[in-house]
Amino acid sequence: MIVDCCDHSKEVEKVRKTLICDETLYDIAELFKAFADTTRIKIIAVLKEEELCVGAISELINVSQSAVSHQLRALKSAKIVKPRRVGKNIFYSLDDEHIKKIYDMGLEHITKG
């Protein structure tokens, strides 16, 4: 049996007041799951630089167009990318600046020495 030797009720209550609801935490977890795939990260990396169509993304990351389309659906569902139709063509871009910041922060964390 573990005996707690200190009173931490103030800290617990302080943190309890700041907790986010489970549904929002679930949504945050889903966002990060979308980043948990190398192909999706490659797509985010190229779309960070330029709005592109599936064919251009496919060429840049050396993955089939069907695989890119599949990953774009997942990224769109997670509100990470957004489509823009021009005639028969669809161009994809990152949904907003937050996605760029998340990517940049991850890159900085990994590459910092």
PDB file of N, CA and C in Angstrom:
ATOM      1  N   MET A   1       0.833  -1.167   0.000  1.00  0.00           N
ATOM      2  CA  MET A   1       0.000   0.000   0.000  1.00  0.00           C
ATOM      3  C   MET A   1       0.890   1.247   0.000  1.00  0.00           C
ATOM      4  N   ILE A   2       0.546   2.230  -0.877  1.00  0.00           N
ATOM      5  CA  ILE A   2       1.294   3.478  -0.956  1.00  0.00           C
ATOM      6  C   ILE A   2       0.616   4.502  -0.054  1.00  0.00           C
ATOM      7  N   VAL A   3       1.407   5.121   0.784  1.00  0.00           N
ATOM      8  CA  VAL A   3       0.891   6.143   1.692  1.00  0.00           C
ATOM      9  C   VAL A   3       1.351   7.497   1.169  1.00  0.00           C
ATOM     10  N   ASP A   4       0.404   8.393   0.958  1.00  0.00           N
ATOM     11  CA  ASP A   4       0.723   9.745   0.498  1.00  0.00           C
ATOM     12  C   ASP A   4       1.095  10.573   1.721  1.00  0.00           C
ATOM     13  N   CYS A   5       2.301  11.117   1.707  1.00  0.00           N
ATOM     14  CA  CYS A   5       2.811  11.796   2.896  1.00  0.00           C
ATOM     15  C   CYS A   5       2.578  13.299   2.902  1.00  0.00           C
ATOM     16  N   CYS A   6       1.946  13.823   1.868  1.00  0.00           N
ATOM     17  CA  CYS A   6       1.759  15.269   1.874  1.00  0.00           C
ATOM     18  C   CYS A   6       0.353  15.628   1.402  1.00  0.00           C
ATOM     19  N   ASP A   7      -0.077  16.791   1.793  1.00  0.00           N
ATOM     20  CA  ASP A   7      -1.387  17.284   1.384  1.00  0.00           C
ATOM     21  C   ASP A   7      -1.209  18.079   0.093  1.00  0.00           C
ATOM     22  N   HIS A   8      -1.835  17.611  -0.952  1.00  0.00           N
ATOM     23  CA  HIS A   8      -1.724  18.301  -2.235  1.00  0.00           C
ATOM     24  C   HIS A   8      -3.096  18.753  -2.732  1.00  0.00           C
ATOM     25  N   SER A   9      -4.028  18.921  -1.828  1.00  0.00           N
ATOM     26  CA  SER A   9      -5.399  19.279  -2.211  1.00  0.00           C
ATOM     27  C   SER A   9      -5.480  20.640  -2.905  1.00  0.00           C
ATOM     28  N   LYS A  10      -4.650  21.605  -2.501  1.00  0.00           N
ATOM     29  CA  LYS A  10      -4.664  22.921  -3.160  1.00  0.00           C
ATOM     30  C   LYS A  10      -4.237  22.794  -4.625  1.00  0.00           C
ATOM     31  N   GLU A  11      -3.165  22.047  -4.840  1.00  0.00           N
ATOM     32  CA  GLU A  11      -2.658  21.880  -6.199  1.00  0.00           C
ATOM     33  C   GLU A  11      -3.661  21.132  -7.074  1.00  0.00           C
ATOM     34  N   VAL A  12      -4.249  20.095  -6.489  1.00  0.00           N
ATOM     35  CA  VAL A  12      -5.239  19.311  -7.232  1.00  0.00           C
ATOM     36  C   VAL A  12      -6.424  20.193  -7.610  1.00  0.00           C
ATOM     37  N   GLU A  13      -6.907  20.971  -6.707  1.00  0.00           N
ATOM     38  CA  GLU A  13      -8.052  21.840  -6.986  1.00  0.00           C
ATOM     39  C   GLU A  13      -7.699  22.907  -8.020  1.00  0.00           C
ATOM     40  N   LYS A  14      -6.508  23.459  -7.918  1.00  0.00           N
ATOM     41  CA  LYS A  14      -6.055  24.470  -8.888  1.00  0.00           C
ATOM     42  C   LYS A  14      -6.028  23.872 -10.293  1.00  0.00           C
ATOM     43  N   VAL A  15      -5.453  22.684 -10.439  1.00  0.00           N
ATOM     44  CA  VAL A  15      -5.371  22.041 -11.745  1.00  0.00           C
ATOM     45  C   VAL A  15      -6.756  21.625 -12.227  1.00  0.00           C
ATOM     46  N   ARG A  16      -7.584  21.118 -11.333  1.00  0.00           N
ATOM     47  CA  ARG A  16      -8.937  20.680 -11.697  1.00  0.00           C
ATOM     48  C   ARG A  16      -9.713  21.812 -12.372  1.00  0.00           C
ATOM     49  N   LYS A  17      -9.516  23.037 -11.931  1.00  0.00           N
ATOM     50  CA  LYS A  17     -10.215  24.188 -12.495  1.00  0.00           C
ATOM     51  C   LYS A  17      -9.758  24.501 -13.925  1.00  0.00           C
ATOM     52  N   THR A  18      -8.575  24.053 -14.284  1.00  0.00           N
ATOM     53  CA  THR A  18      -8.038  24.352 -15.611  1.00  0.00           C
ATOM     54  C   THR A  18      -8.242  23.212 -16.618  1.00  0.00           C
ATOM     55  N   LEU A  19      -8.718  22.074 -16.150  1.00  0.00           N
ATOM     56  CA  LEU A  19      -8.853  20.919 -17.037  1.00  0.00           C
ATOM     57  C   LEU A  19      -9.844  21.174 -18.161  1.00  0.00           C
ATOM     58  N   ILE A  20      -9.499  20.661 -19.310  1.00  0.00           N
ATOM     59  CA  ILE A  20     -10.332  20.772 -20.508  1.00  0.00           C
ATOM     60  C   ILE A  20     -11.233  19.551 -20.564  1.00  0.00           C
ATOM     61  N   CYS A  21     -12.417  19.702 -21.132  1.00  0.00           N
ATOM     62  CA  CYS A  21     -13.356  18.580 -21.199  1.00  0.00           C
ATOM     63  C   CYS A  21     -12.784  17.436 -22.042  1.00  0.00           C
ATOM     64  N   ASP A  22     -13.229  16.234 -21.756  1.00  0.00           N
ATOM     65  CA  ASP A  22     -12.727  15.036 -22.430  1.00  0.00           C
ATOM     66  C   ASP A  22     -12.917  15.087 -23.940  1.00  0.00           C
ATOM     67  N   GLU A  23     -14.023  15.653 -24.394  1.00  0.00           N
ATOM     68  CA  GLU A  23     -14.286  15.727 -25.836  1.00  0.00           C
ATOM     69  C   GLU A  23     -13.213  16.560 -26.544  1.00  0.00           C
ATOM     70  N   THR A  24     -12.843  17.680 -25.941  1.00  0.00           N
ATOM     71  CA  THR A  24     -11.799  18.532 -26.530  1.00  0.00           C
ATOM     72  C   THR A  24     -10.448  17.820 -26.500  1.00  0.00           C
ATOM     73  N   LEU A  25     -10.158  17.135 -25.410  1.00  0.00           N
ATOM     74  CA  LEU A  25      -8.906  16.370 -25.335  1.00  0.00           C
ATOM     75  C   LEU A  25      -8.870  15.283 -26.398  1.00  0.00           C
ATOM     76  N   TYR A  26      -9.998  14.644 -26.647  1.00  0.00           N
ATOM     77  CA  TYR A  26     -10.097  13.639 -27.708  1.00  0.00           C
ATOM     78  C   TYR A  26      -9.773  14.273 -29.061  1.00  0.00           C
ATOM     79  N   ASP A  27     -10.339  15.459 -29.320  1.00  0.00           N
ATOM     80  CA  ASP A  27     -10.087  16.155 -30.585  1.00  0.00           C
ATOM     81  C   ASP A  27      -8.611  16.512 -30.742  1.00  0.00           C
ATOM     82  N   ILE A  28      -7.968  16.914 -29.658  1.00  0.00           N
ATOM     83  CA  ILE A  28      -6.534  17.224 -29.707  1.00  0.00           C
ATOM     84  C   ILE A  28      -5.740  15.954 -30.032  1.00  0.00           C
ATOM     85  N   ALA A  29      -6.110  14.847 -29.400  1.00  0.00           N
ATOM     86  CA  ALA A  29      -5.438  13.573 -29.679  1.00  0.00           C
ATOM     87  C   ALA A  29      -5.611  13.189 -31.140  1.00  0.00           C
ATOM     88  N   GLU A  30      -6.784  13.399 -31.695  1.00  0.00           N
ATOM     89  CA  GLU A  30      -7.037  13.085 -33.105  1.00  0.00           C
ATOM     90  C   GLU A  30      -6.179  13.965 -34.020  1.00  0.00           C
ATOM     91  N   LEU A  31      -6.020  15.226 -33.660  1.00  0.00           N
ATOM     92  CA  LEU A  31      -5.163  16.120 -34.443  1.00  0.00           C
ATOM     93  C   LEU A  31      -3.743  15.574 -34.487  1.00  0.00           C
ATOM     94  N   PHE A  32      -3.221  15.196 -33.330  1.00  0.00           N
ATOM     95  CA  PHE A  32      -1.853  14.696 -33.296  1.00  0.00           C
ATOM     96  C   PHE A  32      -1.722  13.328 -33.973  1.00  0.00           C
ATOM     97  N   LYS A  33      -2.771  12.536 -33.954  1.00  0.00           N
ATOM     98  CA  LYS A  33      -2.742  11.260 -34.689  1.00  0.00           C
ATOM     99  C   LYS A  33      -2.540  11.518 -36.182  1.00  0.00           C
ATOM    100  N   ALA A  34      -3.161  12.582 -36.672  1.00  0.00           N
ATOM    101  CA  ALA A  34      -3.040  12.900 -38.094  1.00  0.00           C
ATOM    102  C   ALA A  34      -1.597  13.240 -38.466  1.00  0.00           C
ATOM    103  N   PHE A  35      -0.829  13.719 -37.513  1.00  0.00           N
ATOM    104  CA  PHE A  35       0.583  14.034 -37.748  1.00  0.00           C
ATOM    105  C   PHE A  35       1.465  12.787 -37.616  1.00  0.00           C
ATOM    106  N   ALA A  36       0.893  11.678 -37.179  1.00  0.00           N
ATOM    107  CA  ALA A  36       1.672  10.488 -36.833  1.00  0.00           C
ATOM    108  C   ALA A  36       1.883   9.540 -38.007  1.00  0.00           C
ATOM    109  N   ASP A  37       2.083  10.080 -39.185  1.00  0.00           N
ATOM    110  CA  ASP A  37       2.319   9.267 -40.370  1.00  0.00           C
ATOM    111  C   ASP A  37       3.317  10.003 -41.255  1.00  0.00           C
ATOM    112  N   THR A  38       4.349   9.295 -41.679  1.00  0.00           N
ATOM    113  CA  THR A  38       5.417   9.933 -42.461  1.00  0.00           C
ATOM    114  C   THR A  38       4.897  10.540 -43.759  1.00  0.00           C
ATOM    115  N   THR A  39       4.017   9.849 -44.450  1.00  0.00           N
ATOM    116  CA  THR A  39       3.489  10.385 -45.705  1.00  0.00           C
ATOM    117  C   THR A  39       2.702  11.663 -45.454  1.00  0.00           C
ATOM    118  N   ARG A  40       1.893  11.678 -44.418  1.00  0.00           N
ATOM    119  CA  ARG A  40       1.132  12.892 -44.114  1.00  0.00           C
ATOM    120  C   ARG A  40       2.059  14.045 -43.728  1.00  0.00           C
ATOM    121  N   ILE A  41       3.116  13.744 -42.996  1.00  0.00           N
ATOM    122  CA  ILE A  41       4.083  14.792 -42.636  1.00  0.00           C
ATOM    123  C   ILE A  41       4.770  15.333 -43.895  1.00  0.00           C
ATOM    124  N   LYS A  42       5.094  14.460 -44.832  1.00  0.00           N
ATOM    125  CA  LYS A  42       5.690  14.918 -46.097  1.00  0.00           C
ATOM    126  C   LYS A  42       4.721  15.838 -46.833  1.00  0.00           C
ATOM    127  N   ILE A  43       3.453  15.465 -46.853  1.00  0.00           N
ATOM    128  CA  ILE A  43       2.446  16.303 -47.514  1.00  0.00           C
ATOM    129  C   ILE A  43       2.360  17.662 -46.826  1.00  0.00           C
ATOM    130  N   ILE A  44       2.336  17.662 -45.509  1.00  0.00           N
ATOM    131  CA  ILE A  44       2.296  18.926 -44.760  1.00  0.00           C
ATOM    132  C   ILE A  44       3.527  19.763 -45.082  1.00  0.00           C
ATOM    133  N   ALA A  45       4.687  19.125 -45.168  1.00  0.00           N
ATOM    134  CA  ALA A  45       5.931  19.846 -45.454  1.00  0.00           C
ATOM    135  C   ALA A  45       5.873  20.534 -46.811  1.00  0.00           C
ATOM    136  N   VAL A  46       5.351  19.853 -47.833  1.00  0.00           N
ATOM    137  CA  VAL A  46       5.304  20.496 -49.156  1.00  0.00           C
ATOM    138  C   VAL A  46       4.196  21.542 -49.227  1.00  0.00           C
ATOM    139  N   LEU A  47       3.071  21.278 -48.561  1.00  0.00           N
ATOM    140  CA  LEU A  47       1.987  22.259 -48.593  1.00  0.00           C
ATOM    141  C   LEU A  47       2.300  23.477 -47.737  1.00  0.00           C
ATOM    142  N   LYS A  48       3.246  23.347 -46.849  1.00  0.00           N
ATOM    143  CA  LYS A  48       3.705  24.500 -46.065  1.00  0.00           C
ATOM    144  C   LYS A  48       4.344  25.531 -47.000  1.00  0.00           C
ATOM    145  N   GLU A  49       4.907  25.038 -48.099  1.00  0.00           N
ATOM    146  CA  GLU A  49       5.608  25.912 -49.038  1.00  0.00           C
ATOM    147  C   GLU A  49       4.717  26.449 -50.156  1.00  0.00           C
ATOM    148  N   GLU A  50       3.720  25.620 -50.569  1.00  0.00           N
ATOM    149  CA  GLU A  50       2.965  25.979 -51.764  1.00  0.00           C
ATOM    150  C   GLU A  50       1.648  25.223 -51.830  1.00  0.00           C
ATOM    151  N   GLU A  51       0.619  25.867 -52.320  1.00  0.00           N
ATOM    152  CA  GLU A  51      -0.641  25.196 -52.630  1.00  0.00           C
ATOM    153  C   GLU A  51      -0.410  24.328 -53.864  1.00  0.00           C
ATOM    154  N   LEU A  52      -0.800  23.053 -53.791  1.00  0.00           N
ATOM    155  CA  LEU A  52      -0.491  22.118 -54.874  1.00  0.00           C
ATOM    156  C   LEU A  52      -1.641  21.171 -55.144  1.00  0.00           C
ATOM    157  N   CYS A  53      -1.634  20.593 -56.356  1.00  0.00           N
ATOM    158  CA  CYS A  53      -2.600  19.554 -56.704  1.00  0.00           C
ATOM    159  C   CYS A  53      -2.020  18.183 -56.337  1.00  0.00           C
ATOM    160  N   VAL A  54      -2.853  17.156 -56.385  1.00  0.00           N
ATOM    161  CA  VAL A  54      -2.434  15.804 -56.005  1.00  0.00           C
ATOM    162  C   VAL A  54      -1.232  15.342 -56.828  1.00  0.00           C
ATOM    163  N   GLY A  55      -1.257  15.612 -58.136  1.00  0.00           N
ATOM    164  CA  GLY A  55      -0.158  15.176 -59.004  1.00  0.00           C
ATOM    165  C   GLY A  55       1.178  15.778 -58.601  1.00  0.00           C
ATOM    166  N   ALA A  56       1.181  17.053 -58.272  1.00  0.00           N
ATOM    167  CA  ALA A  56       2.419  17.722 -57.870  1.00  0.00           C
ATOM    168  C   ALA A  56       2.906  17.191 -56.523  1.00  0.00           C
ATOM    169  N   ILE A  57       1.979  16.992 -55.598  1.00  0.00           N
ATOM    170  CA  ILE A  57       2.357  16.434 -54.288  1.00  0.00           C
ATOM    171  C   ILE A  57       2.949  15.056 -54.478  1.00  0.00           C
ATOM    172  N   SER A  58       2.288  14.239 -55.301  1.00  0.00           N
ATOM    173  CA  SER A  58       2.746  12.878 -55.581  1.00  0.00           C
ATOM    174  C   SER A  58       4.168  12.874 -56.125  1.00  0.00           C
ATOM    175  N   GLU A  59       4.425  13.759 -57.071  1.00  0.00           N
ATOM    176  CA  GLU A  59       5.759  13.856 -57.672  1.00  0.00           C
ATOM    177  C   GLU A  59       6.804  14.285 -56.644  1.00  0.00           C
ATOM    178  N   LEU A  60       6.466  15.257 -55.822  1.00  0.00           N
ATOM    179  CA  LEU A  60       7.421  15.783 -54.843  1.00  0.00           C
ATOM    180  C   LEU A  60       7.792  14.780 -53.758  1.00  0.00           C
ATOM    181  N   ILE A  61       6.817  14.001 -53.303  1.00  0.00           N
ATOM    182  CA  ILE A  61       7.108  13.081 -52.194  1.00  0.00           C
ATOM    183  C   ILE A  61       7.303  11.645 -52.665  1.00  0.00           C
ATOM    184  N   ASN A  62       7.219  11.435 -53.989  1.00  0.00           N
ATOM    185  CA  ASN A  62       7.475  10.122 -54.589  1.00  0.00           C
ATOM    186  C   ASN A  62       6.541   9.038 -54.029  1.00  0.00           C
ATOM    187  N   VAL A  63       5.249   9.362 -54.009  1.00  0.00           N
ATOM    188  CA  VAL A  63       4.205   8.442 -53.559  1.00  0.00           C
ATOM    189  C   VAL A  63       3.096   8.488 -54.608  1.00  0.00           C
ATOM    190  N   SER A  64       2.427   7.367 -54.826  1.00  0.00           N
ATOM    191  CA  SER A  64       1.381   7.316 -55.852  1.00  0.00           C
ATOM    192  C   SER A  64       0.278   8.340 -55.571  1.00  0.00           C
ATOM    193  N   GLN A  65      -0.387   8.761 -56.657  1.00  0.00           N
ATOM    194  CA  GLN A  65      -1.460   9.735 -56.511  1.00  0.00           C
ATOM    195  C   GLN A  65      -2.602   9.182 -55.668  1.00  0.00           C
ATOM    196  N   SER A  66      -2.887   7.885 -55.795  1.00  0.00           N
ATOM    197  CA  SER A  66      -3.973   7.323 -54.985  1.00  0.00           C
ATOM    198  C   SER A  66      -3.610   7.347 -53.502  1.00  0.00           C
ATOM    199  N   ALA A  67      -2.341   7.084 -53.175  1.00  0.00           N
ATOM    200  CA  ALA A  67      -1.908   7.142 -51.770  1.00  0.00           C
ATOM    201  C   ALA A  67      -1.970   8.578 -51.253  1.00  0.00           C
ATOM    202  N   VAL A  68      -1.569   9.526 -52.074  1.00  0.00           N
ATOM    203  CA  VAL A  68      -1.642  10.938 -51.686  1.00  0.00           C
ATOM    204  C   VAL A  68      -3.097  11.336 -51.453  1.00  0.00           C
ATOM    205  N   SER A  69      -3.982  10.935 -52.365  1.00  0.00           N
ATOM    206  CA  SER A  69      -5.405  11.256 -52.216  1.00  0.00           C
ATOM    207  C   SER A  69      -5.964  10.683 -50.916  1.00  0.00           C
ATOM    208  N   HIS A  70      -5.585   9.463 -50.622  1.00  0.00           N
ATOM    209  CA  HIS A  70      -6.031   8.816 -49.386  1.00  0.00           C
ATOM    210  C   HIS A  70      -5.573   9.608 -48.158  1.00  0.00           C
ATOM    211  N   GLN A  71      -4.315  10.013 -48.147  1.00  0.00           N
ATOM    212  CA  GLN A  71      -3.776  10.771 -47.010  1.00  0.00           C
ATOM    213  C   GLN A  71      -4.381  12.170 -46.937  1.00  0.00           C
ATOM    214  N   LEU A  72      -4.647  12.771 -48.089  1.00  0.00           N
ATOM    215  CA  LEU A  72      -5.280  14.093 -48.091  1.00  0.00           C
ATOM    216  C   LEU A  72      -6.680  14.028 -47.484  1.00  0.00           C
ATOM    217  N   ARG A  73      -7.404  12.933 -47.738  1.00  0.00           N
ATOM    218  CA  ARG A  73      -8.732  12.776 -47.120  1.00  0.00           C
ATOM    219  C   ARG A  73      -8.609  12.768 -45.593  1.00  0.00           C
ATOM    220  N   ALA A  74      -7.614  12.043 -45.088  1.00  0.00           N
ATOM    221  CA  ALA A  74      -7.401  11.996 -43.636  1.00  0.00           C
ATOM    222  C   ALA A  74      -7.024  13.377 -43.102  1.00  0.00           C
ATOM    223  N   LEU A  75      -6.157  14.077 -43.823  1.00  0.00           N
ATOM    224  CA  LEU A  75      -5.736  15.410 -43.394  1.00  0.00           C
ATOM    225  C   LEU A  75      -6.887  16.418 -43.473  1.00  0.00           C
ATOM    226  N   LYS A  76      -7.717  16.268 -44.479  1.00  0.00           N
ATOM    227  CA  LYS A  76      -8.888  17.153 -44.605  1.00  0.00           C
ATOM    228  C   LYS A  76      -9.865  16.885 -43.470  1.00  0.00           C
ATOM    229  N   SER A  77     -10.081  15.631 -43.165  1.00  0.00           N
ATOM    230  CA  SER A  77     -10.976  15.248 -42.074  1.00  0.00           C
ATOM    231  C   SER A  77     -10.497  15.822 -40.732  1.00  0.00           C
ATOM    232  N   ALA A  78      -9.172  15.894 -40.560  1.00  0.00           N
ATOM    233  CA  ALA A  78      -8.585  16.436 -39.332  1.00  0.00           C
ATOM    234  C   ALA A  78      -8.449  17.962 -39.378  1.00  0.00           C
ATOM    235  N   LYS A  79      -8.949  18.581 -40.443  1.00  0.00           N
ATOM    236  CA  LYS A  79      -8.897  20.042 -40.619  1.00  0.00           C
ATOM    237  C   LYS A  79      -7.460  20.558 -40.669  1.00  0.00           C
ATOM    238  N   ILE A  80      -6.603  19.758 -41.298  1.00  0.00           N
ATOM    239  CA  ILE A  80      -5.198  20.151 -41.455  1.00  0.00           C
ATOM    240  C   ILE A  80      -4.962  20.736 -42.840  1.00  0.00           C
ATOM    241  N   VAL A  81      -5.666  20.225 -43.838  1.00  0.00           N
ATOM    242  CA  VAL A  81      -5.586  20.779 -45.188  1.00  0.00           C
ATOM    243  C   VAL A  81      -6.984  21.161 -45.649  1.00  0.00           C
ATOM    244  N   LYS A  82      -7.011  22.036 -46.645  1.00  0.00           N
ATOM    245  CA  LYS A  82      -8.290  22.432 -47.244  1.00  0.00           C
ATOM    246  C   LYS A  82      -8.137  22.428 -48.762  1.00  0.00           C
ATOM    247  N   PRO A  83      -9.190  22.036 -49.457  1.00  0.00           N
ATOM    248  CA  PRO A  83      -9.146  22.021 -50.917  1.00  0.00           C
ATOM    249  C   PRO A  83      -9.662  23.337 -51.502  1.00  0.00           C
ATOM    250  N   ARG A  84      -9.216  23.615 -52.720  1.00  0.00           N
ATOM    251  CA  ARG A  84      -9.733  24.758 -53.481  1.00  0.00           C
ATOM    252  C   ARG A  84      -9.877  24.307 -54.914  1.00  0.00           C
ATOM    253  N   ARG A  85     -11.102  24.353 -55.427  1.00  0.00           N
ATOM    254  CA  ARG A  85     -11.373  23.891 -56.786  1.00  0.00           C
ATOM    255  C   ARG A  85     -11.163  25.032 -57.784  1.00  0.00           C
ATOM    256  N   VAL A  86     -10.433  24.700 -58.860  1.00  0.00           N
ATOM    257  CA  VAL A  86     -10.253  25.621 -59.974  1.00  0.00           C
ATOM    258  C   VAL A  86     -10.600  24.825 -61.223  1.00  0.00           C
ATOM    259  N   GLY A  87     -11.811  25.024 -61.733  1.00  0.00           N
ATOM    260  CA  GLY A  87     -12.287  24.214 -62.853  1.00  0.00           C
ATOM    261  C   GLY A  87     -12.376  22.760 -62.430  1.00  0.00           C
ATOM    262  N   LYS A  88     -11.669  21.898 -63.150  1.00  0.00           N
ATOM    263  CA  LYS A  88     -11.665  20.472 -62.814  1.00  0.00           C
ATOM    264  C   LYS A  88     -10.559  20.106 -61.830  1.00  0.00           C
ATOM    265  N   ASN A  89      -9.684  21.046 -61.546  1.00  0.00           N
ATOM    266  CA  ASN A  89      -8.541  20.768 -60.669  1.00  0.00           C
ATOM    267  C   ASN A  89      -8.836  21.158 -59.233  1.00  0.00           C
ATOM    268  N   ILE A  90      -8.253  20.390 -58.317  1.00  0.00           N
ATOM    269  CA  ILE A  90      -8.360  20.700 -56.892  1.00  0.00           C
ATOM    270  C   ILE A  90      -6.961  20.930 -56.357  1.00  0.00           C
ATOM    271  N   PHE A  91      -6.781  22.072 -55.733  1.00  0.00           N
ATOM    272  CA  PHE A  91      -5.511  22.428 -55.125  1.00  0.00           C
ATOM    273  C   PHE A  91      -5.665  22.365 -53.613  1.00  0.00           C
ATOM    274  N   TYR A  92      -4.630  21.883 -52.949  1.00  0.00           N
ATOM    275  CA  TYR A  92      -4.662  21.739 -51.500  1.00  0.00           C
ATOM    276  C   TYR A  92      -3.662  22.685 -50.863  1.00  0.00           C
ATOM    277  N   SER A  93      -4.044  23.184 -49.696  1.00  0.00           N
ATOM    278  CA  SER A  93      -3.158  24.032 -48.902  1.00  0.00           C
ATOM    279  C   SER A  93      -3.388  23.681 -47.436  1.00  0.00           C
ATOM    280  N   LEU A  94      -2.492  24.146 -46.593  1.00  0.00           N
ATOM    281  CA  LEU A  94      -2.693  23.945 -45.165  1.00  0.00           C
ATOM    282  C   LEU A  94      -3.890  24.775 -44.726  1.00  0.00           C
ATOM    283  N   ASP A  95      -4.633  24.260 -43.773  1.00  0.00           N
ATOM    284  CA  ASP A  95      -5.872  24.903 -43.354  1.00  0.00           C
ATOM    285  C   ASP A  95      -5.644  26.301 -42.783  1.00  0.00           C
ATOM    286  N   ASP A  96      -4.596  26.458 -41.965  1.00  0.00           N
ATOM    287  CA  ASP A  96      -4.321  27.782 -41.398  1.00  0.00           C
ATOM    288  C   ASP A  96      -2.894  27.833 -40.848  1.00  0.00           C
ATOM    289  N   GLU A  97      -2.541  28.980 -40.301  1.00  0.00           N
ATOM    290  CA  GLU A  97      -1.192  29.197 -39.780  1.00  0.00           C
ATOM    291  C   GLU A  97      -0.862  28.284 -38.597  1.00  0.00           C
ATOM    292  N   HIS A  98      -1.878  27.830 -37.866  1.00  0.00           N
ATOM    293  CA  HIS A  98      -1.619  26.947 -36.722  1.00  0.00           C
ATOM    294  C   HIS A  98      -0.918  25.672 -37.157  1.00  0.00           C
ATOM    295  N   ILE A  99      -1.291  25.148 -38.302  1.00  0.00           N
ATOM    296  CA  ILE A  99      -0.690  23.904 -38.799  1.00  0.00           C
ATOM    297  C   ILE A  99       0.789  24.140 -39.100  1.00  0.00           C
ATOM    298  N   LYS A 100       1.096  25.265 -39.710  1.00  0.00           N
ATOM    299  CA  LYS A 100       2.507  25.607 -39.976  1.00  0.00           C
ATOM    300  C   LYS A 100       3.286  25.700 -38.667  1.00  0.00           C
ATOM    301  N   LYS A 101       2.686  26.326 -37.680  1.00  0.00           N
ATOM    302  CA  LYS A 101       3.364  26.484 -36.380  1.00  0.00           C
ATOM    303  C   LYS A 101       3.594  25.130 -35.709  1.00  0.00           C
ATOM    304  N   ILE A 102       2.598  24.256 -35.757  1.00  0.00           N
ATOM    305  CA  ILE A 102       2.745  22.916 -35.155  1.00  0.00           C
ATOM    306  C   ILE A 102       3.873  22.172 -35.849  1.00  0.00           C
ATOM    307  N   TYR A 103       3.883  22.214 -37.181  1.00  0.00           N
ATOM    308  CA  TYR A 103       4.941  21.548 -37.949  1.00  0.00           C
ATOM    309  C   TYR A 103       6.306  22.142 -37.596  1.00  0.00           C
ATOM    310  N   ASP A 104       6.394  23.467 -37.624  1.00  0.00           N
ATOM    311  CA  ASP A 104       7.666  24.142 -37.335  1.00  0.00           C
ATOM    312  C   ASP A 104       8.157  23.844 -35.915  1.00  0.00           C
ATOM    313  N   MET A 105       7.246  23.809 -34.966  1.00  0.00           N
ATOM    314  CA  MET A 105       7.635  23.508 -33.592  1.00  0.00           C
ATOM    315  C   MET A 105       8.149  22.072 -33.472  1.00  0.00           C
ATOM    316  N   GLY A 106       7.496  21.139 -34.156  1.00  0.00           N
ATOM    317  CA  GLY A 106       7.977  19.755 -34.154  1.00  0.00           C
ATOM    318  C   GLY A 106       9.338  19.647 -34.791  1.00  0.00           C
ATOM    319  N   LEU A 107       9.538  20.325 -35.913  1.00  0.00           N
ATOM    320  CA  LEU A 107      10.828  20.309 -36.599  1.00  0.00           C
ATOM    321  C   LEU A 107      11.921  20.912 -35.712  1.00  0.00           C
ATOM    322  N   GLU A 108      11.612  22.022 -35.079  1.00  0.00           N
ATOM    323  CA  GLU A 108      12.577  22.668 -34.193  1.00  0.00           C
ATOM    324  C   GLU A 108      12.930  21.750 -33.019  1.00  0.00           C
ATOM    325  N   HIS A 109      11.933  21.101 -32.471  1.00  0.00           N
ATOM    326  CA  HIS A 109      12.173  20.191 -31.332  1.00  0.00           C
ATOM    327  C   HIS A 109      13.090  19.043 -31.728  1.00  0.00           C
ATOM    328  N   ILE A 110      12.869  18.504 -32.919  1.00  0.00           N
ATOM    329  CA  ILE A 110      13.653  17.354 -33.375  1.00  0.00           C
ATOM    330  C   ILE A 110      15.075  17.761 -33.776  1.00  0.00           C
ATOM    331  N   THR A 111      15.234  18.943 -34.370  1.00  0.00           N
ATOM    332  CA  THR A 111      16.538  19.333 -34.918  1.00  0.00           C
ATOM    333  C   THR A 111      17.395  20.162 -33.961  1.00  0.00           C
ATOM    334  N   LYS A 112      16.829  20.574 -32.843  1.00  0.00           N
ATOM    335  CA  LYS A 112      17.636  21.393 -31.920  1.00  0.00           C
ATOM    336  C   LYS A 112      18.763  20.530 -31.341  1.00  0.00           C
ATOM    337  N   GLY A 113      19.891  21.132 -31.142  1.00  0.00           N
ATOM    338  CA  GLY A 113      21.036  20.357 -30.676  1.00  0.00           C
ATOM    339  C   GLY A 113      21.364  20.655 -29.321  1.00  0.00           C
TER     340      GLY A 113
END
